[in-house]
Amino acid sequence: MLRTINVFSPAPATVPVAVADGKEFATFNSDYALDFANVTDIIAYTAQVSADGSTVTMTKVDGAVPANTGLLIRKAASTSAEVPVAASAAAVTNEFIAVTADNCDEGQEYKTVKEGFILATVGGEQGFYKANSTDGTKVGKGKAYLPATGAAGARLTVKFGDEATGINDMRVVTVDNAVYNLNGVRVSQPTKGLYIVNGKKMVIK
């Protein structure tokens, strides 16, 4: 008689957490509970969005967070760190939505987000931008995004609670990648010339 034996891989001692070269921020979540208590190379934050959707307050993580906790990662002394895996962690107040294997699109390594704010770079500026509500914006597994709550305006104010400098702003615009000519007419197949993409002038060569 054959017996099936389930073999479980032990949890790693640490998990690598990184911000891409040339960037200041990244979003992140891990399959394991992590302990940021003695991590100084990077800074991790949880998020809380105001009722009117105009402001998100980032709270620095000083201890352990549960598995699958969406976080904003900010480079500090370095762009990466090996963060210790925690044996356990109490729940934290947090409104980041983590993209995990459980909520990825079927058969994919990403989630298509149509309602929310994503961390992206548009026009060379990194910030939280509104997801494409028509086709959706892909957010990869292991990343996170903010919910679209309330009546968010043209700018989402991001407050970092641990900084004496006060308020840091990240712009919010709709990322639809639609292309318009200078007369405001949408162009489906642009040729060479000057166009408007996401409110910015762009030269297509």
C-alpha atoms as a PDB file:
ATOM      1  CA  MET A   1       0.000   0.000   0.000  1.00  0.00           C
ATOM      2  CA  LEU A   2       1.412   3.370  -1.006  1.00  0.00           C
ATOM      3  CA  ARG A   3       1.366   6.218   1.488  1.00  0.00           C
ATOM      4  CA  THR A   4       1.477   9.904   0.565  1.00  0.00           C
ATOM      5  CA  ILE A   5       3.835  11.940   2.707  1.00  0.00           C
ATOM      6  CA  ASN A   6       3.539  15.714   2.666  1.00  0.00           C
ATOM      7  CA  VAL A   7       6.905  17.424   2.836  1.00  0.00           C
ATOM      8  CA  PHE A   8       6.918  21.049   3.918  1.00  0.00           C
ATOM      9  CA  SER A   9       9.860  23.333   3.225  1.00  0.00           C
ATOM     10  CA  PRO A  10      11.055  25.136   6.336  1.00  0.00           C
ATOM     11  CA  ALA A  11      10.667  28.907   6.423  1.00  0.00           C
ATOM     12  CA  PRO A  12      13.804  30.808   5.410  1.00  0.00           C
ATOM     13  CA  ALA A  13      15.712  32.778   8.037  1.00  0.00           C
ATOM     14  CA  THR A  14      15.399  36.019   6.042  1.00  0.00           C
ATOM     15  CA  VAL A  15      13.542  37.401   3.035  1.00  0.00           C
ATOM     16  CA  PRO A  16      15.148  39.851   0.569  1.00  0.00           C
ATOM     17  CA  VAL A  17      13.305  43.178   0.287  1.00  0.00           C
ATOM     18  CA  ALA A  18      14.462  45.692  -2.299  1.00  0.00           C
ATOM     19  CA  VAL A  19      13.753  48.946  -4.108  1.00  0.00           C
ATOM     20  CA  ALA A  20      14.708  49.017  -7.795  1.00  0.00           C
ATOM     21  CA  ASP A  21      17.820  50.938  -8.794  1.00  0.00           C
ATOM     22  CA  GLY A  22      17.013  54.580  -9.479  1.00  0.00           C
ATOM     23  CA  LYS A  23      13.784  54.453  -7.453  1.00  0.00           C
ATOM     24  CA  GLU A  24      13.003  55.619  -3.931  1.00  0.00           C
ATOM     25  CA  PHE A  25       9.923  53.501  -3.279  1.00  0.00           C
ATOM     26  CA  ALA A  26       8.517  50.032  -3.930  1.00  0.00           C
ATOM     27  CA  THR A  27       5.502  48.113  -2.712  1.00  0.00           C
ATOM     28  CA  PHE A  28       5.948  44.664  -1.228  1.00  0.00           C
ATOM     29  CA  ASN A  29       4.361  41.744   0.572  1.00  0.00           C
ATOM     30  CA  SER A  30       5.795  38.436   1.744  1.00  0.00           C
ATOM     31  CA  ASP A  31       4.464  34.919   2.221  1.00  0.00           C
ATOM     32  CA  TYR A  32       6.090  35.034   5.665  1.00  0.00           C
ATOM     33  CA  ALA A  33       5.705  37.220   8.741  1.00  0.00           C
ATOM     34  CA  LEU A  34       8.642  39.639   8.836  1.00  0.00           C
ATOM     35  CA  ASP A  35      10.403  41.490  11.642  1.00  0.00           C
ATOM     36  CA  PHE A  36      11.616  45.013  10.773  1.00  0.00           C
ATOM     37  CA  ALA A  37      12.713  45.870  14.344  1.00  0.00           C
ATOM     38  CA  ASN A  38      16.446  46.031  13.599  1.00  0.00           C
ATOM     39  CA  VAL A  39      16.336  46.747   9.869  1.00  0.00           C
ATOM     40  CA  THR A  40      17.981  50.063   8.959  1.00  0.00           C
ATOM     41  CA  ASP A  41      18.912  49.693   5.286  1.00  0.00           C
ATOM     42  CA  ILE A  42      15.294  50.176   4.210  1.00  0.00           C
ATOM     43  CA  ILE A  43      12.126  51.555   5.829  1.00  0.00           C
ATOM     44  CA  ALA A  44       8.746  49.812   5.685  1.00  0.00           C
ATOM     45  CA  TYR A  45       5.383  51.554   6.080  1.00  0.00           C
ATOM     46  CA  THR A  46       1.758  50.556   6.466  1.00  0.00           C
ATOM     47  CA  ALA A  47      -0.942  52.847   5.092  1.00  0.00           C
ATOM     48  CA  GLN A  48      -4.205  54.384   6.248  1.00  0.00           C
ATOM     49  CA  VAL A  49      -6.375  56.296   3.772  1.00  0.00           C
ATOM     50  CA  SER A  50      -8.514  59.209   4.957  1.00  0.00           C
ATOM     51  CA  ALA A  51     -12.301  58.950   4.719  1.00  0.00           C
ATOM     52  CA  ASP A  52     -12.456  61.401   1.809  1.00  0.00           C
ATOM     53  CA  GLY A  53      -9.731  59.565  -0.100  1.00  0.00           C
ATOM     54  CA  SER A  54      -7.512  62.634  -0.372  1.00  0.00           C
ATOM     55  CA  THR A  55      -4.746  61.667   2.061  1.00  0.00           C
ATOM     56  CA  VAL A  56      -2.871  58.508   2.956  1.00  0.00           C
ATOM     57  CA  THR A  57      -0.809  58.392   6.147  1.00  0.00           C
ATOM     58  CA  MET A  58       2.225  56.124   6.129  1.00  0.00           C
ATOM     59  CA  THR A  59       3.209  54.639   9.494  1.00  0.00           C
ATOM     60  CA  LYS A  60       6.716  53.277   9.936  1.00  0.00           C
ATOM     61  CA  VAL A  61       6.907  49.599  10.833  1.00  0.00           C
ATOM     62  CA  ASP A  62       9.110  49.108  13.911  1.00  0.00           C
ATOM     63  CA  GLY A  63       8.379  45.460  14.605  1.00  0.00           C
ATOM     64  CA  ALA A  64       6.839  42.366  13.079  1.00  0.00           C
ATOM     65  CA  VAL A  65       4.046  42.253  10.511  1.00  0.00           C
ATOM     66  CA  PRO A  66       1.970  39.208   9.519  1.00  0.00           C
ATOM     67  CA  ALA A  67       2.427  37.344   6.257  1.00  0.00           C
ATOM     68  CA  ASN A  68       0.790  38.919   3.194  1.00  0.00           C
ATOM     69  CA  THR A  69       0.873  42.440   4.649  1.00  0.00           C
ATOM     70  CA  GLY A  70       1.095  45.043   1.903  1.00  0.00           C
ATOM     71  CA  LEU A  71       3.843  47.587   2.576  1.00  0.00           C
ATOM     72  CA  LEU A  72       5.511  50.638   1.079  1.00  0.00           C
ATOM     73  CA  ILE A  73       9.275  50.170   1.080  1.00  0.00           C
ATOM     74  CA  ARG A  74      11.574  53.197   1.034  1.00  0.00           C
ATOM     75  CA  LYS A  75      15.300  53.093   0.504  1.00  0.00           C
ATOM     76  CA  ALA A  76      17.391  54.410   3.399  1.00  0.00           C
ATOM     77  CA  ALA A  77      21.022  53.413   3.918  1.00  0.00           C
ATOM     78  CA  SER A  78      20.666  51.010   0.996  1.00  0.00           C
ATOM     79  CA  THR A  79      18.160  49.893  -1.613  1.00  0.00           C
ATOM     80  CA  SER A  80      17.832  46.395  -0.176  1.00  0.00           C
ATOM     81  CA  ALA A  81      17.894  44.384   3.034  1.00  0.00           C
ATOM     82  CA  GLU A  82      17.577  40.830   4.279  1.00  0.00           C
ATOM     83  CA  VAL A  83      14.599  41.046   6.650  1.00  0.00           C
ATOM     84  CA  PRO A  84      14.320  38.354   9.345  1.00  0.00           C
ATOM     85  CA  VAL A  85      11.327  36.033   9.232  1.00  0.00           C
ATOM     86  CA  ALA A  86       9.243  36.295  12.410  1.00  0.00           C
ATOM     87  CA  ALA A  87       7.771  33.313  14.216  1.00  0.00           C
ATOM     88  CA  SER A  88       4.516  35.230  14.638  1.00  0.00           C
ATOM     89  CA  ALA A  89       3.115  38.750  14.367  1.00  0.00           C
ATOM     90  CA  ALA A  90       0.057  40.566  15.635  1.00  0.00           C
ATOM     91  CA  ALA A  91      -2.344  42.099  13.129  1.00  0.00           C
ATOM     92  CA  VAL A  92      -1.577  45.675  12.066  1.00  0.00           C
ATOM     93  CA  THR A  93      -3.815  48.526  10.935  1.00  0.00           C
ATOM     94  CA  ASN A  94      -3.180  48.771   7.230  1.00  0.00           C
ATOM     95  CA  GLU A  95      -5.089  49.540   4.031  1.00  0.00           C
ATOM     96  CA  PHE A  96      -2.588  48.324   1.473  1.00  0.00           C
ATOM     97  CA  ILE A  97      -4.045  45.451  -0.527  1.00  0.00           C
ATOM     98  CA  ALA A  98      -1.429  42.749  -1.014  1.00  0.00           C
ATOM     99  CA  VAL A  99      -1.271  40.881  -4.316  1.00  0.00           C
ATOM    100  CA  THR A 100      -0.841  37.224  -3.380  1.00  0.00           C
ATOM    101  CA  ALA A 101      -1.251  33.881  -5.111  1.00  0.00           C
ATOM    102  CA  ASP A 102      -4.830  33.813  -3.811  1.00  0.00           C
ATOM    103  CA  ASN A 103      -5.975  36.983  -5.570  1.00  0.00           C
ATOM    104  CA  CYS A 104      -3.880  36.958  -8.745  1.00  0.00           C
ATOM    105  CA  ASP A 105      -5.695  36.632 -12.060  1.00  0.00           C
ATOM    106  CA  GLU A 106      -6.301  32.982 -12.851  1.00  0.00           C
ATOM    107  CA  GLY A 107      -3.099  31.373 -14.085  1.00  0.00           C
ATOM    108  CA  GLN A 108      -1.135  34.632 -13.848  1.00  0.00           C
ATOM    109  CA  GLU A 109       1.487  36.187 -11.568  1.00  0.00           C
ATOM    110  CA  TYR A 110      -0.369  39.506 -11.343  1.00  0.00           C
ATOM    111  CA  LYS A 111      -3.711  41.053 -10.458  1.00  0.00           C
ATOM    112  CA  THR A 112      -5.512  43.373 -12.864  1.00  0.00           C
ATOM    113  CA  VAL A 113      -6.519  46.383 -10.773  1.00  0.00           C
ATOM    114  CA  LYS A 114      -9.281  48.673 -12.040  1.00  0.00           C
ATOM    115  CA  GLU A 115     -10.211  50.424  -8.794  1.00  0.00           C
ATOM    116  CA  GLY A 116      -7.228  51.632  -6.802  1.00  0.00           C
ATOM    117  CA  PHE A 117      -4.015  53.634  -6.745  1.00  0.00           C
ATOM    118  CA  ILE A 118      -0.804  51.980  -7.859  1.00  0.00           C
ATOM    119  CA  LEU A 119       2.830  52.911  -7.353  1.00  0.00           C
ATOM    120  CA  ALA A 120       4.195  53.728 -10.804  1.00  0.00           C
ATOM    121  CA  THR A 121       6.496  56.061 -12.679  1.00  0.00           C
ATOM    122  CA  VAL A 122       4.813  58.390 -15.160  1.00  0.00           C
ATOM    123  CA  GLY A 123       6.732  61.101 -16.944  1.00  0.00           C
ATOM    124  CA  GLY A 124       9.808  60.274 -14.874  1.00  0.00           C
ATOM    125  CA  GLU A 125       7.957  60.879 -11.594  1.00  0.00           C
ATOM    126  CA  GLN A 126       7.320  58.038  -9.166  1.00  0.00           C
ATOM    127  CA  GLY A 127       4.062  58.215  -7.267  1.00  0.00           C
ATOM    128  CA  PHE A 128       0.650  56.698  -6.598  1.00  0.00           C
ATOM    129  CA  TYR A 129      -1.396  56.890  -9.781  1.00  0.00           C
ATOM    130  CA  LYS A 130      -4.984  55.901 -10.402  1.00  0.00           C
ATOM    131  CA  ALA A 131      -5.316  52.532 -12.073  1.00  0.00           C
ATOM    132  CA  ASN A 132      -6.805  52.239 -15.545  1.00  0.00           C
ATOM    133  CA  SER A 133     -10.516  51.794 -14.802  1.00  0.00           C
ATOM    134  CA  THR A 134     -11.266  50.423 -18.286  1.00  0.00           C
ATOM    135  CA  ASP A 135      -8.557  47.874 -19.022  1.00  0.00           C
ATOM    136  CA  GLY A 136      -7.046  47.698 -15.551  1.00  0.00           C
ATOM    137  CA  THR A 137      -3.430  48.040 -14.477  1.00  0.00           C
ATOM    138  CA  LYS A 138      -1.374  44.925 -13.715  1.00  0.00           C
ATOM    139  CA  VAL A 139       0.143  44.724 -10.229  1.00  0.00           C
ATOM    140  CA  GLY A 140       2.596  41.866  -9.778  1.00  0.00           C
ATOM    141  CA  LYS A 141       2.469  39.150  -7.148  1.00  0.00           C
ATOM    142  CA  GLY A 142       4.439  40.241  -4.081  1.00  0.00           C
ATOM    143  CA  LYS A 143       3.426  43.878  -4.597  1.00  0.00           C
ATOM    144  CA  ALA A 144       0.559  45.962  -3.181  1.00  0.00           C
ATOM    145  CA  TYR A 145      -1.771  48.832  -4.057  1.00  0.00           C
ATOM    146  CA  LEU A 146      -4.045  51.321  -2.304  1.00  0.00           C
ATOM    147  CA  PRO A 147      -7.836  51.140  -2.495  1.00  0.00           C
ATOM    148  CA  ALA A 148      -9.760  53.896  -4.257  1.00  0.00           C
ATOM    149  CA  THR A 149     -11.830  55.248  -1.385  1.00  0.00           C
ATOM    150  CA  GLY A 150     -13.902  58.392  -1.128  1.00  0.00           C
ATOM    151  CA  ALA A 151     -13.761  61.202  -3.648  1.00  0.00           C
ATOM    152  CA  ALA A 152     -10.074  61.312  -4.441  1.00  0.00           C
ATOM    153  CA  GLY A 153      -9.004  64.515  -6.191  1.00  0.00           C
ATOM    154  CA  ALA A 154      -6.209  65.339  -8.604  1.00  0.00           C
ATOM    155  CA  ARG A 155      -3.531  64.850  -5.963  1.00  0.00           C
ATOM    156  CA  LEU A 156      -3.147  62.259  -3.248  1.00  0.00           C
ATOM    157  CA  THR A 157      -1.258  63.689  -0.284  1.00  0.00           C
ATOM    158  CA  VAL A 158       1.057  61.164   1.348  1.00  0.00           C
ATOM    159  CA  LYS A 159       2.134  61.831   4.940  1.00  0.00           C
ATOM    160  CA  PHE A 160       5.095  60.037   6.442  1.00  0.00           C
ATOM    161  CA  GLY A 161       4.374  60.054  10.151  1.00  0.00           C
ATOM    162  CA  ASP A 162       7.967  59.515  11.310  1.00  0.00           C
ATOM    163  CA  GLU A 163       9.410  62.543   9.516  1.00  0.00           C
ATOM    164  CA  ALA A 164       9.736  66.044  10.898  1.00  0.00           C
ATOM    165  CA  THR A 165       9.608  67.402   7.341  1.00  0.00           C
ATOM    166  CA  GLY A 166       5.860  66.823   7.352  1.00  0.00           C
ATOM    167  CA  ILE A 167       3.965  66.253   4.142  1.00  0.00           C
ATOM    168  CA  ASN A 168       5.309  64.629   1.013  1.00  0.00           C
ATOM    169  CA  ASP A 169       3.131  64.712  -2.092  1.00  0.00           C
ATOM    170  CA  MET A 170       2.731  62.027  -4.718  1.00  0.00           C
ATOM    171  CA  ARG A 171       0.600  63.005  -7.695  1.00  0.00           C
ATOM    172  CA  VAL A 172      -2.391  60.973  -8.723  1.00  0.00           C
ATOM    173  CA  VAL A 173      -3.471  60.908 -12.350  1.00  0.00           C
ATOM    174  CA  THR A 174      -5.406  58.378 -14.368  1.00  0.00           C
ATOM    175  CA  VAL A 175      -3.059  55.978 -16.103  1.00  0.00           C
ATOM    176  CA  ASP A 176      -4.867  55.028 -19.302  1.00  0.00           C
ATOM    177  CA  ASN A 177      -1.983  55.399 -21.789  1.00  0.00           C
ATOM    178  CA  ALA A 178      -4.417  56.974 -24.263  1.00  0.00           C
ATOM    179  CA  VAL A 179      -2.714  59.059 -26.953  1.00  0.00           C
ATOM    180  CA  TYR A 180      -4.171  62.377 -28.157  1.00  0.00           C
ATOM    181  CA  ASN A 181      -3.024  64.793 -30.810  1.00  0.00           C
ATOM    182  CA  LEU A 182      -2.556  68.484 -30.046  1.00  0.00           C
ATOM    183  CA  ASN A 183      -6.198  69.124 -30.968  1.00  0.00           C
ATOM    184  CA  GLY A 184      -7.369  66.774 -28.236  1.00  0.00           C
ATOM    185  CA  VAL A 185      -8.454  64.017 -30.616  1.00  0.00           C
ATOM    186  CA  ARG A 186      -7.685  60.479 -29.480  1.00  0.00           C
ATOM    187  CA  VAL A 187      -5.297  58.649 -31.817  1.00  0.00           C
ATOM    188  CA  SER A 188      -5.377  54.852 -31.920  1.00  0.00           C
ATOM    189  CA  GLN A 189      -2.243  54.365 -34.040  1.00  0.00           C
ATOM    190  CA  PRO A 190       0.042  57.387 -33.669  1.00  0.00           C
ATOM    191  CA  THR A 191       2.804  57.999 -36.170  1.00  0.00           C
ATOM    192  CA  LYS A 192       5.805  60.269 -35.751  1.00  0.00           C
ATOM    193  CA  GLY A 193       5.011  63.572 -34.086  1.00  0.00           C
ATOM    194  CA  LEU A 194       4.030  65.380 -30.890  1.00  0.00           C
ATOM    195  CA  TYR A 195       1.209  63.888 -28.805  1.00  0.00           C
ATOM    196  CA  ILE A 196      -0.374  64.147 -25.355  1.00  0.00           C
ATOM    197  CA  VAL A 197      -0.128  61.046 -23.132  1.00  0.00           C
ATOM    198  CA  ASN A 198      -1.479  61.165 -19.562  1.00  0.00           C
ATOM    199  CA  GLY A 199      -1.546  64.960 -19.707  1.00  0.00           C
ATOM    200  CA  LYS A 200       2.102  65.270 -20.783  1.00  0.00           C
ATOM    201  CA  LYS A 201       3.571  66.112 -24.172  1.00  0.00           C
ATOM    202  CA  MET A 202       5.452  63.225 -25.722  1.00  0.00           C
ATOM    203  CA  VAL A 203       7.408  63.000 -28.973  1.00  0.00           C
ATOM    204  CA  ILE A 204       6.955  59.756 -30.886  1.00  0.00           C
ATOM    205  CA  LYS A 205       9.879  59.181 -33.245  1.00  0.00           C
END
